């Protein structure tokens, strides 16, 4: 029973690929047909007004402090979760690490 060919990865991939291809063809029959005039479809919609497009320059300066904040917190949580409580030297190192992380977070979030 465990040597059934249908459960091998290659056969399963081929069956799944064929099912998806058939489903895509069936769905394409129900899809709206392609318009011949695509010029209006490619324009931006601006509530009936002329759209004066401009480039937006995203500013990630506010994102990075939060990214570092969550990274530091996740690493601290990993250190705390994996410290064996029997060994006092490792526990002392973990406490020093957590203290350094807290100081780093205070510096990071200082305004």
PDB file of N, CA and C in Angstrom:
ATOM      1  N   UNK A   1       0.813  -1.195   0.000  1.00  0.00           N
ATOM      2  CA  UNK A   1       0.000   0.000   0.000  1.00  0.00           C
ATOM      3  C   UNK A   1       0.858   1.262   0.000  1.00  0.00           C
ATOM      4  N   UNK A   2       2.052   1.195   0.582  1.00  0.00           N
ATOM      5  CA  UNK A   2       2.896   2.383   0.645  1.00  0.00           C
ATOM      6  C   UNK A   2       3.651   2.629  -0.656  1.00  0.00           C
ATOM      7  N   UNK A   3       3.633   1.691  -1.583  1.00  0.00           N
ATOM      8  CA  UNK A   3       4.353   1.852  -2.848  1.00  0.00           C
ATOM      9  C   UNK A   3       3.423   2.239  -3.987  1.00  0.00           C
ATOM     10  N   UNK A   4       2.401   3.003  -3.698  1.00  0.00           N
ATOM     11  CA  UNK A   4       1.473   3.423  -4.743  1.00  0.00           C
ATOM     12  C   UNK A   4       2.158   4.497  -5.587  1.00  0.00           C
ATOM     13  N   UNK A   5       2.113   4.321  -6.904  1.00  0.00           N
ATOM     14  CA  UNK A   5       2.826   5.197  -7.826  1.00  0.00           C
ATOM     15  C   UNK A   5       2.221   6.599  -7.837  1.00  0.00           C
ATOM     16  N   UNK A   6       0.940   6.730  -7.593  1.00  0.00           N
ATOM     17  CA  UNK A   6       0.270   8.030  -7.683  1.00  0.00           C
ATOM     18  C   UNK A   6       0.781   9.008  -6.625  1.00  0.00           C
ATOM     19  N   UNK A   7       1.372   8.503  -5.551  1.00  0.00           N
ATOM     20  CA  UNK A   7       1.861   9.372  -4.484  1.00  0.00           C
ATOM     21  C   UNK A   7       3.322   9.770  -4.656  1.00  0.00           C
ATOM     22  N   UNK A   8       3.932   9.357  -5.741  1.00  0.00           N
ATOM     23  CA  UNK A   8       5.307   9.791  -5.976  1.00  0.00           C
ATOM     24  C   UNK A   8       5.278  11.274  -6.366  1.00  0.00           C
ATOM     25  N   UNK A   9       6.305  12.024  -6.018  1.00  0.00           N
ATOM     26  CA  UNK A   9       6.281  13.475  -6.273  1.00  0.00           C
ATOM     27  C   UNK A   9       6.125  13.842  -7.749  1.00  0.00           C
ATOM     28  N   UNK A  10       6.767  13.116  -8.637  1.00  0.00           N
ATOM     29  CA  UNK A  10       6.683  13.452 -10.051  1.00  0.00           C
ATOM     30  C   UNK A  10       5.268  13.232 -10.590  1.00  0.00           C
ATOM     31  N   UNK A  11       4.667  12.112 -10.260  1.00  0.00           N
ATOM     32  CA  UNK A  11       3.312  11.826 -10.743  1.00  0.00           C
ATOM     33  C   UNK A  11       2.313  12.801 -10.142  1.00  0.00           C
ATOM     34  N   UNK A  12       2.472  13.117  -8.871  1.00  0.00           N
ATOM     35  CA  UNK A  12       1.578  14.071  -8.222  1.00  0.00           C
ATOM     36  C   UNK A  12       1.712  15.445  -8.862  1.00  0.00           C
ATOM     37  N   UNK A  13       2.938  15.858  -9.175  1.00  0.00           N
ATOM     38  CA  UNK A  13       3.143  17.147  -9.836  1.00  0.00           C
ATOM     39  C   UNK A  13       2.485  17.167 -11.208  1.00  0.00           C
ATOM     40  N   UNK A  14       2.656  16.118 -11.978  1.00  0.00           N
ATOM     41  CA  UNK A  14       2.074  16.068 -13.325  1.00  0.00           C
ATOM     42  C   UNK A  14       0.556  16.108 -13.260  1.00  0.00           C
ATOM     43  N   UNK A  15      -0.035  15.361 -12.342  1.00  0.00           N
ATOM     44  CA  UNK A  15      -1.497  15.357 -12.203  1.00  0.00           C
ATOM     45  C   UNK A  15      -1.997  16.743 -11.795  1.00  0.00           C
ATOM     46  N   UNK A  16      -1.322  17.371 -10.844  1.00  0.00           N
ATOM     47  CA  UNK A  16      -1.727  18.707 -10.397  1.00  0.00           C
ATOM     48  C   UNK A  16      -1.562  19.723 -11.521  1.00  0.00           C
ATOM     49  N   UNK A  17      -0.462  19.640 -12.264  1.00  0.00           N
ATOM     50  CA  UNK A  17      -0.232  20.555 -13.375  1.00  0.00           C
ATOM     51  C   UNK A  17      -1.311  20.413 -14.438  1.00  0.00           C
ATOM     52  N   UNK A  18      -1.682  19.191 -14.767  1.00  0.00           N
ATOM     53  CA  UNK A  18      -2.729  18.966 -15.774  1.00  0.00           C
ATOM     54  C   UNK A  18      -4.073  19.487 -15.293  1.00  0.00           C
ATOM     55  N   UNK A  19      -4.396  19.274 -14.024  1.00  0.00           N
ATOM     56  CA  UNK A  19      -5.664  19.775 -13.478  1.00  0.00           C
ATOM     57  C   UNK A  19      -5.722  21.297 -13.520  1.00  0.00           C
ATOM     58  N   UNK A  20      -4.631  21.944 -13.176  1.00  0.00           N
ATOM     59  CA  UNK A  20      -4.592  23.415 -13.203  1.00  0.00           C
ATOM     60  C   UNK A  20      -4.666  23.919 -14.642  1.00  0.00           C
ATOM     61  N   UNK A  21      -3.995  23.260 -15.578  1.00  0.00           N
ATOM     62  CA  UNK A  21      -4.043  23.682 -16.980  1.00  0.00           C
ATOM     63  C   UNK A  21      -5.457  23.547 -17.536  1.00  0.00           C
ATOM     64  N   UNK A  22      -6.127  22.456 -17.224  1.00  0.00           N
ATOM     65  CA  UNK A  22      -7.504  22.254 -17.686  1.00  0.00           C
ATOM     66  C   UNK A  22      -8.423  23.295 -17.063  1.00  0.00           C
ATOM     67  N   UNK A  23      -8.252  23.563 -15.769  1.00  0.00           N
ATOM     68  CA  UNK A  23      -9.068  24.565 -15.097  1.00  0.00           C
ATOM     69  C   UNK A  23      -8.832  25.955 -15.691  1.00  0.00           C
ATOM     70  N   UNK A  24      -7.592  26.273 -16.047  1.00  0.00           N
ATOM     71  CA  UNK A  24      -7.297  27.571 -16.654  1.00  0.00           C
ATOM     72  C   UNK A  24      -7.970  27.703 -18.017  1.00  0.00           C
ATOM     73  N   UNK A  25      -7.970  26.641 -18.801  1.00  0.00           N
ATOM     74  CA  UNK A  25      -8.631  26.683 -20.113  1.00  0.00           C
ATOM     75  C   UNK A  25     -10.143  26.837 -19.973  1.00  0.00           C
ATOM     76  N   UNK A  26     -10.729  26.135 -18.996  1.00  0.00           N
ATOM     77  CA  UNK A  26     -12.178  26.233 -18.777  1.00  0.00           C
ATOM     78  C   UNK A  26     -12.539  27.641 -18.305  1.00  0.00           C
ATOM     79  N   UNK A  27     -11.739  28.206 -17.413  1.00  0.00           N
ATOM     80  CA  UNK A  27     -12.018  29.557 -16.926  1.00  0.00           C
ATOM     81  C   UNK A  27     -11.819  30.595 -18.015  1.00  0.00           C
ATOM     82  N   UNK A  28     -10.909  30.343 -18.941  1.00  0.00           N
ATOM     83  CA  UNK A  28     -10.680  31.273 -20.045  1.00  0.00           C
ATOM     84  C   UNK A  28     -11.898  31.351 -20.962  1.00  0.00           C
ATOM     85  N   UNK A  29     -12.693  30.289 -21.020  1.00  0.00           N
ATOM     86  CA  UNK A  29     -13.902  30.318 -21.846  1.00  0.00           C
ATOM     87  C   UNK A  29     -14.928  31.286 -21.276  1.00  0.00           C
ATOM     88  N   UNK A  30     -14.955  31.445 -19.964  1.00  0.00           N
ATOM     89  CA  UNK A  30     -15.932  32.317 -19.316  1.00  0.00           C
ATOM     90  C   UNK A  30     -15.413  33.736 -19.117  1.00  0.00           C
ATOM     91  N   UNK A  31     -14.142  33.965 -19.358  1.00  0.00           N
ATOM     92  CA  UNK A  31     -13.564  35.288 -19.152  1.00  0.00           C
ATOM     93  C   UNK A  31     -14.034  36.245 -20.230  1.00  0.00           C
ATOM     94  N   UNK A  32     -14.035  37.518 -19.892  1.00  0.00           N
ATOM     95  CA  UNK A  32     -14.427  38.524 -20.873  1.00  0.00           C
ATOM     96  C   UNK A  32     -13.401  38.566 -21.987  1.00  0.00           C
ATOM     97  N   UNK A  33     -13.881  38.745 -23.189  1.00  0.00           N
ATOM     98  CA  UNK A  33     -12.987  38.772 -24.340  1.00  0.00           C
ATOM     99  C   UNK A  33     -12.098  39.994 -24.339  1.00  0.00           C
ATOM    100  N   UNK A  34     -10.991  39.886 -25.007  1.00  0.00           N
ATOM    101  CA  UNK A  34     -10.058  41.010 -25.098  1.00  0.00           C
ATOM    102  C   UNK A  34     -10.643  42.089 -25.988  1.00  0.00           C
ATOM    103  N   UNK A  35     -10.571  43.332 -25.524  1.00  0.00           N
ATOM    104  CA  UNK A  35     -11.063  44.449 -26.329  1.00  0.00           C
ATOM    105  C   UNK A  35     -10.051  44.782 -27.421  1.00  0.00           C
ATOM    106  N   UNK A  36     -10.568  45.265 -28.502  1.00  0.00           N
ATOM    107  CA  UNK A  36      -9.671  45.636 -29.588  1.00  0.00           C
ATOM    108  C   UNK A  36      -9.006  46.982 -29.297  1.00  0.00           C
ATOM    109  N   UNK A  37      -9.732  47.897 -28.643  1.00  0.00           N
ATOM    110  CA  UNK A  37      -9.192  49.211 -28.332  1.00  0.00           C
ATOM    111  C   UNK A  37      -8.766  49.229 -26.863  1.00  0.00           C
ATOM    112  N   UNK A  38      -7.475  49.120 -26.627  1.00  0.00           N
ATOM    113  CA  UNK A  38      -6.955  49.042 -25.264  1.00  0.00           C
ATOM    114  C   UNK A  38      -6.411  50.375 -24.764  1.00  0.00           C
ATOM    115  N   UNK A  39      -6.557  51.460 -25.536  1.00  0.00           N
ATOM    116  CA  UNK A  39      -5.967  52.729 -25.116  1.00  0.00           C
ATOM    117  C   UNK A  39      -6.631  53.272 -23.860  1.00  0.00           C
ATOM    118  N   UNK A  40      -7.934  53.185 -23.758  1.00  0.00           N
ATOM    119  CA  UNK A  40      -8.631  53.697 -22.574  1.00  0.00           C
ATOM    120  C   UNK A  40      -8.431  52.790 -21.371  1.00  0.00           C
ATOM    121  N   UNK A  41      -8.236  51.530 -21.598  1.00  0.00           N
ATOM    122  CA  UNK A  41      -8.073  50.600 -20.489  1.00  0.00           C
ATOM    123  C   UNK A  41      -6.751  50.798 -19.763  1.00  0.00           C
ATOM    124  N   UNK A  42      -5.759  51.340 -20.434  1.00  0.00           N
ATOM    125  CA  UNK A  42      -4.448  51.517 -19.822  1.00  0.00           C
ATOM    126  C   UNK A  42      -4.295  52.862 -19.122  1.00  0.00           C
ATOM    127  N   UNK A  43      -5.297  53.730 -19.210  1.00  0.00           N
ATOM    128  CA  UNK A  43      -5.231  55.024 -18.557  1.00  0.00           C
ATOM    129  C   UNK A  43      -5.592  54.888 -17.080  1.00  0.00           C
ATOM    130  N   UNK A  44      -5.041  55.801 -16.278  1.00  0.00           N
ATOM    131  CA  UNK A  44      -5.364  55.822 -14.855  1.00  0.00           C
ATOM    132  C   UNK A  44      -6.746  56.439 -14.663  1.00  0.00           C
ATOM    133  N   UNK A  45      -7.506  55.902 -13.709  1.00  0.00           N
ATOM    134  CA  UNK A  45      -8.834  56.431 -13.421  1.00  0.00           C
ATOM    135  C   UNK A  45      -8.727  57.507 -12.360  1.00  0.00           C
ATOM    136  N   UNK A  46      -9.229  58.694 -12.666  1.00  0.00           N
ATOM    137  CA  UNK A  46      -9.149  59.801 -11.719  1.00  0.00           C
ATOM    138  C   UNK A  46     -10.502  60.489 -11.614  1.00  0.00           C
ATOM    139  N   UNK A  47     -11.563  59.723 -11.461  1.00  0.00           N
ATOM    140  CA  UNK A  47     -12.914  60.254 -11.268  1.00  0.00           C
ATOM    141  C   UNK A  47     -13.355  61.166 -12.405  1.00  0.00           C
ATOM    142  N   UNK A  48     -12.993  60.864 -13.626  1.00  0.00           N
ATOM    143  CA  UNK A  48     -13.418  61.636 -14.774  1.00  0.00           C
ATOM    144  C   UNK A  48     -12.553  62.835 -15.089  1.00  0.00           C
ATOM    145  N   UNK A  49     -11.581  63.129 -14.240  1.00  0.00           N
ATOM    146  CA  UNK A  49     -10.704  64.259 -14.488  1.00  0.00           C
ATOM    147  C   UNK A  49      -9.409  63.784 -15.132  1.00  0.00           C
ATOM    148  N   UNK A  50      -8.704  64.739 -15.731  1.00  0.00           N
ATOM    149  CA  UNK A  50      -7.399  64.405 -16.288  1.00  0.00           C
ATOM    150  C   UNK A  50      -6.438  64.095 -15.154  1.00  0.00           C
ATOM    151  N   UNK A  51      -5.729  63.027 -15.322  1.00  0.00           N
ATOM    152  CA  UNK A  51      -4.802  62.577 -14.281  1.00  0.00           C
ATOM    153  C   UNK A  51      -3.411  63.083 -14.605  1.00  0.00           C
ATOM    154  N   UNK A  52      -2.899  63.904 -13.729  1.00  0.00           N
ATOM    155  CA  UNK A  52      -1.525  64.389 -13.903  1.00  0.00           C
ATOM    156  C   UNK A  52      -0.634  63.512 -13.044  1.00  0.00           C
ATOM    157  N   UNK A  53      -0.085  62.506 -13.661  1.00  0.00           N
ATOM    158  CA  UNK A  53       0.726  61.544 -12.922  1.00  0.00           C
ATOM    159  C   UNK A  53       2.026  62.149 -12.432  1.00  0.00           C
ATOM    160  N   UNK A  54       2.406  61.779 -11.247  1.00  0.00           N
ATOM    161  CA  UNK A  54       3.692  62.174 -10.711  1.00  0.00           C
ATOM    162  C   UNK A  54       4.273  60.979  -9.972  1.00  0.00           C
ATOM    163  N   UNK A  55       5.566  60.962  -9.894  1.00  0.00           N
ATOM    164  CA  UNK A  55       6.228  59.841  -9.256  1.00  0.00           C
ATOM    165  C   UNK A  55       6.281  60.059  -7.751  1.00  0.00           C
ATOM    166  N   UNK A  56       5.983  59.030  -7.039  1.00  0.00           N
ATOM    167  CA  UNK A  56       6.043  59.090  -5.590  1.00  0.00           C
ATOM    168  C   UNK A  56       7.358  58.462  -5.153  1.00  0.00           C
ATOM    169  N   UNK A  57       8.088  59.170  -4.354  1.00  0.00           N
ATOM    170  CA  UNK A  57       9.342  58.656  -3.822  1.00  0.00           C
ATOM    171  C   UNK A  57       9.083  58.179  -2.397  1.00  0.00           C
ATOM    172  N   UNK A  58       8.963  56.880  -2.200  1.00  0.00           N
ATOM    173  CA  UNK A  58       8.686  56.400  -0.846  1.00  0.00           C
ATOM    174  C   UNK A  58       9.876  56.661   0.075  1.00  0.00           C
ATOM    175  N   UNK A  59       9.552  57.005   1.293  1.00  0.00           N
ATOM    176  CA  UNK A  59      10.577  57.293   2.283  1.00  0.00           C
ATOM    177  C   UNK A  59      10.514  56.216   3.358  1.00  0.00           C
ATOM    178  N   UNK A  60      11.574  55.451   3.453  1.00  0.00           N
ATOM    179  CA  UNK A  60      11.600  54.340   4.400  1.00  0.00           C
ATOM    180  C   UNK A  60      12.316  54.706   5.695  1.00  0.00           C
ATOM    181  N   UNK A  61      12.559  55.977   5.923  1.00  0.00           N
ATOM    182  CA  UNK A  61      13.308  56.358   7.114  1.00  0.00           C
ATOM    183  C   UNK A  61      12.564  56.023   8.402  1.00  0.00           C
ATOM    184  N   UNK A  62      11.248  56.007   8.368  1.00  0.00           N
ATOM    185  CA  UNK A  62      10.489  55.651   9.564  1.00  0.00           C
ATOM    186  C   UNK A  62      10.329  54.137   9.697  1.00  0.00           C
ATOM    187  N   UNK A  63      10.561  53.412   8.639  1.00  0.00           N
ATOM    188  CA  UNK A  63      10.391  51.961   8.673  1.00  0.00           C
ATOM    189  C   UNK A  63      11.556  51.268   9.364  1.00  0.00           C
ATOM    190  N   UNK A  64      12.768  51.720   9.126  1.00  0.00           N
ATOM    191  CA  UNK A  64      13.950  51.022   9.612  1.00  0.00           C
ATOM    192  C   UNK A  64      14.048  50.943  11.136  1.00  0.00           C
ATOM    193  N   UNK A  65      13.731  52.001  11.886  1.00  0.00           N
ATOM    194  CA  UNK A  65      13.764  51.828  13.347  1.00  0.00           C
ATOM    195  C   UNK A  65      12.823  50.741  13.848  1.00  0.00           C
ATOM    196  N   UNK A  66      11.641  50.642  13.249  1.00  0.00           N
ATOM    197  CA  UNK A  66      10.719  49.587  13.669  1.00  0.00           C
ATOM    198  C   UNK A  66      11.220  48.212  13.254  1.00  0.00           C
ATOM    199  N   UNK A  67      11.845  48.125  12.084  1.00  0.00           N
ATOM    200  CA  UNK A  67      12.396  46.841  11.644  1.00  0.00           C
ATOM    201  C   UNK A  67      13.506  46.391  12.580  1.00  0.00           C
ATOM    202  N   UNK A  68      14.399  47.299  12.945  1.00  0.00           N
ATOM    203  CA  UNK A  68      15.459  46.952  13.896  1.00  0.00           C
ATOM    204  C   UNK A  68      14.884  46.612  15.264  1.00  0.00           C
ATOM    205  N   UNK A  69      13.865  47.345  15.677  1.00  0.00           N
ATOM    206  CA  UNK A  69      13.218  47.097  16.965  1.00  0.00           C
ATOM    207  C   UNK A  69      12.693  45.663  17.034  1.00  0.00           C
ATOM    208  N   UNK A  70      11.934  45.247  16.026  1.00  0.00           N
ATOM    209  CA  UNK A  70      11.378  43.896  16.046  1.00  0.00           C
ATOM    210  C   UNK A  70      12.461  42.834  15.876  1.00  0.00           C
ATOM    211  N   UNK A  71      13.494  43.135  15.104  1.00  0.00           N
ATOM    212  CA  UNK A  71      14.590  42.177  14.965  1.00  0.00           C
ATOM    213  C   UNK A  71      15.291  41.959  16.296  1.00  0.00           C
ATOM    214  N   UNK A  72      15.599  43.044  16.987  1.00  0.00           N
ATOM    215  CA  UNK A  72      16.263  42.922  18.285  1.00  0.00           C
ATOM    216  C   UNK A  72      15.372  42.184  19.271  1.00  0.00           C
ATOM    217  N   UNK A  73      14.081  42.502  19.290  1.00  0.00           N
ATOM    218  CA  UNK A  73      13.174  41.818  20.224  1.00  0.00           C
ATOM    219  C   UNK A  73      13.058  40.329  19.922  1.00  0.00           C
ATOM    220  N   UNK A  74      13.039  39.962  18.656  1.00  0.00           N
ATOM    221  CA  UNK A  74      12.946  38.545  18.326  1.00  0.00           C
ATOM    222  C   UNK A  74      14.213  37.791  18.715  1.00  0.00           C
ATOM    223  N   UNK A  75      15.355  38.406  18.507  1.00  0.00           N
ATOM    224  CA  UNK A  75      16.609  37.750  18.895  1.00  0.00           C
ATOM    225  C   UNK A  75      16.691  37.633  20.413  1.00  0.00           C
ATOM    226  N   UNK A  76      16.275  38.664  21.127  1.00  0.00           N
ATOM    227  CA  UNK A  76      16.271  38.598  22.595  1.00  0.00           C
ATOM    228  C   UNK A  76      15.324  37.505  23.074  1.00  0.00           C
ATOM    229  N   UNK A  77      14.165  37.398  22.467  1.00  0.00           N
ATOM    230  CA  UNK A  77      13.227  36.340  22.855  1.00  0.00           C
ATOM    231  C   UNK A  77      13.817  34.967  22.571  1.00  0.00           C
ATOM    232  N   UNK A  78      14.534  34.823  21.460  1.00  0.00           N
ATOM    233  CA  UNK A  78      15.180  33.550  21.152  1.00  0.00           C
ATOM    234  C   UNK A  78      16.265  33.224  22.165  1.00  0.00           C
ATOM    235  N   UNK A  79      17.036  34.228  22.572  1.00  0.00           N
ATOM    236  CA  UNK A  79      18.091  34.006  23.570  1.00  0.00           C
ATOM    237  C   UNK A  79      17.476  33.599  24.900  1.00  0.00           C
ATOM    238  N   UNK A  80      16.435  34.292  25.315  1.00  0.00           N
ATOM    239  CA  UNK A  80      15.795  33.973  26.591  1.00  0.00           C
ATOM    240  C   UNK A  80      15.172  32.581  26.556  1.00  0.00           C
ATOM    241  N   UNK A  81      14.578  32.219  25.438  1.00  0.00           N
ATOM    242  CA  UNK A  81      13.896  30.927  25.355  1.00  0.00           C
ATOM    243  C   UNK A  81      14.865  29.754  25.303  1.00  0.00           C
ATOM    244  N   UNK A  82      16.091  29.980  24.851  1.00  0.00           N
ATOM    245  CA  UNK A  82      17.013  28.852  24.681  1.00  0.00           C
ATOM    246  C   UNK A  82      18.101  28.775  25.739  1.00  0.00           C
ATOM    247  N   UNK A  83      18.065  29.648  26.732  1.00  0.00           N
ATOM    248  CA  UNK A  83      19.084  29.612  27.784  1.00  0.00           C
ATOM    249  C   UNK A  83      18.741  28.505  28.783  1.00  0.00           C
ATOM    250  N   UNK A  84      19.670  27.586  29.005  1.00  0.00           N
ATOM    251  CA  UNK A  84      19.408  26.575  30.034  1.00  0.00           C
ATOM    252  C   UNK A  84      19.580  27.210  31.422  1.00  0.00           C
ATOM    253  N   UNK A  85      18.607  27.060  32.288  1.00  0.00           N
ATOM    254  CA  UNK A  85      18.670  27.753  33.583  1.00  0.00           C
ATOM    255  C   UNK A  85      19.689  27.142  34.543  1.00  0.00           C
ATOM    256  N   UNK A  86      20.219  25.951  34.262  1.00  0.00           N
ATOM    257  CA  UNK A  86      21.161  25.304  35.184  1.00  0.00           C
ATOM    258  C   UNK A  86      22.519  25.976  35.172  1.00  0.00           C
ATOM    259  N   UNK A  87      22.940  26.476  34.043  1.00  0.00           N
ATOM    260  CA  UNK A  87      24.279  27.029  33.903  1.00  0.00           C
ATOM    261  C   UNK A  87      24.236  28.521  34.214  1.00  0.00           C
ATOM    262  N   UNK A  88      24.885  28.923  35.286  1.00  0.00           N
ATOM    263  CA  UNK A  88      24.836  30.315  35.714  1.00  0.00           C
ATOM    264  C   UNK A  88      25.671  31.225  34.813  1.00  0.00           C
ATOM    265  N   UNK A  89      26.779  30.691  34.229  1.00  0.00           N
ATOM    266  CA  UNK A  89      27.593  31.529  33.356  1.00  0.00           C
ATOM    267  C   UNK A  89      26.812  31.930  32.107  1.00  0.00           C
ATOM    268  N   UNK A  90      26.115  30.967  31.530  1.00  0.00           N
ATOM    269  CA  UNK A  90      25.331  31.251  30.328  1.00  0.00           C
ATOM    270  C   UNK A  90      24.152  32.151  30.679  1.00  0.00           C
ATOM    271  N   UNK A  91      23.564  31.934  31.848  1.00  0.00           N
ATOM    272  CA  UNK A  91      22.455  32.789  32.283  1.00  0.00           C
ATOM    273  C   UNK A  91      22.943  34.219  32.490  1.00  0.00           C
ATOM    274  N   UNK A  92      24.143  34.384  33.057  1.00  0.00           N
ATOM    275  CA  UNK A  92      24.704  35.726  33.243  1.00  0.00           C
ATOM    276  C   UNK A  92      24.979  36.390  31.895  1.00  0.00           C
ATOM    277  N   UNK A  93      25.477  35.626  30.924  1.00  0.00           N
ATOM    278  CA  UNK A  93      25.716  36.179  29.589  1.00  0.00           C
ATOM    279  C   UNK A  93      24.401  36.588  28.932  1.00  0.00           C
ATOM    280  N   UNK A  94      23.346  35.802  29.142  1.00  0.00           N
ATOM    281  CA  UNK A  94      22.047  36.139  28.573  1.00  0.00           C
ATOM    282  C   UNK A  94      21.501  37.419  29.197  1.00  0.00           C
ATOM    283  N   UNK A  95      21.706  37.585  30.498  1.00  0.00           N
ATOM    284  CA  UNK A  95      21.249  38.809  31.164  1.00  0.00           C
ATOM    285  C   UNK A  95      22.011  40.021  30.636  1.00  0.00           C
ATOM    286  N   UNK A  96      23.322  39.871  30.439  1.00  0.00           N
ATOM    287  CA  UNK A  96      24.113  40.962  29.862  1.00  0.00           C
ATOM    288  C   UNK A  96      23.639  41.264  28.451  1.00  0.00           C
ATOM    289  N   UNK A  97      23.330  40.243  27.667  1.00  0.00           N
ATOM    290  CA  UNK A  97      22.855  40.437  26.293  1.00  0.00           C
ATOM    291  C   UNK A  97      21.515  41.153  26.282  1.00  0.00           C
ATOM    292  N   UNK A  98      20.606  40.743  27.145  1.00  0.00           N
ATOM    293  CA  UNK A  98      19.290  41.383  27.204  1.00  0.00           C
ATOM    294  C   UNK A  98      19.433  42.833  27.657  1.00  0.00           C
ATOM    295  N   UNK A  99      20.308  43.091  28.612  1.00  0.00           N
ATOM    296  CA  UNK A  99      20.541  44.464  29.060  1.00  0.00           C
ATOM    297  C   UNK A  99      21.101  45.318  27.924  1.00  0.00           C
ATOM    298  N   UNK A 100      22.043  44.777  27.181  1.00  0.00           N
ATOM    299  CA  UNK A 100      22.597  45.507  26.033  1.00  0.00           C
ATOM    300  C   UNK A 100      21.525  45.751  24.976  1.00  0.00           C
ATOM    301  N   UNK A 101      20.633  44.783  24.782  1.00  0.00           N
ATOM    302  CA  UNK A 101      19.556  44.961  23.802  1.00  0.00           C
ATOM    303  C   UNK A 101      18.598  46.052  24.257  1.00  0.00           C
ATOM    304  N   UNK A 102      18.293  46.101  25.538  1.00  0.00           N
ATOM    305  CA  UNK A 102      17.403  47.149  26.059  1.00  0.00           C
ATOM    306  C   UNK A 102      18.046  48.524  25.890  1.00  0.00           C
ATOM    307  N   UNK A 103      19.342  48.631  26.171  1.00  0.00           N
ATOM    308  CA  UNK A 103      20.047  49.904  25.973  1.00  0.00           C
ATOM    309  C   UNK A 103      20.039  50.283  24.488  1.00  0.00           C
ATOM    310  N   UNK A 104      20.253  49.298  23.621  1.00  0.00           N
ATOM    311  CA  UNK A 104      20.201  49.561  22.180  1.00  0.00           C
ATOM    312  C   UNK A 104      18.834  50.032  21.734  1.00  0.00           C
ATOM    313  N   UNK A 105      17.787  49.441  22.279  1.00  0.00           N
ATOM    314  CA  UNK A 105      16.430  49.872  21.927  1.00  0.00           C
ATOM    315  C   UNK A 105      16.144  51.274  22.444  1.00  0.00           C
ATOM    316  N   UNK A 106      16.641  51.594  23.628  1.00  0.00           N
ATOM    317  CA  UNK A 106      16.442  52.947  24.142  1.00  0.00           C
ATOM    318  C   UNK A 106      17.155  53.972  23.268  1.00  0.00           C
ATOM    319  N   UNK A 107      18.342  53.641  22.790  1.00  0.00           N
ATOM    320  CA  UNK A 107      19.066  54.535  21.887  1.00  0.00           C
ATOM    321  C   UNK A 107      18.324  54.653  20.552  1.00  0.00           C
ATOM    322  N   UNK A 108      17.818  53.523  20.071  1.00  0.00           N
ATOM    323  CA  UNK A 108      17.116  53.509  18.789  1.00  0.00           C
ATOM    324  C   UNK A 108      15.845  54.343  18.825  1.00  0.00           C
ATOM    325  N   UNK A 109      15.113  54.277  19.916  1.00  0.00           N
ATOM    326  CA  UNK A 109      13.822  54.960  20.000  1.00  0.00           C
ATOM    327  C   UNK A 109      13.931  56.356  20.616  1.00  0.00           C
ATOM    328  N   UNK A 110      15.155  56.815  20.887  1.00  0.00           N
ATOM    329  CA  UNK A 110      15.356  58.145  21.455  1.00  0.00           C
ATOM    330  C   UNK A 110      14.958  59.199  20.427  1.00  0.00           C
ATOM    331  N   UNK A 111      14.282  60.223  20.861  1.00  0.00           N
ATOM    332  CA  UNK A 111      13.845  61.283  19.929  1.00  0.00           C
ATOM    333  C   UNK A 111      14.620  62.530  20.136  1.00  0.00           C
TER     334      UNK A 111
END
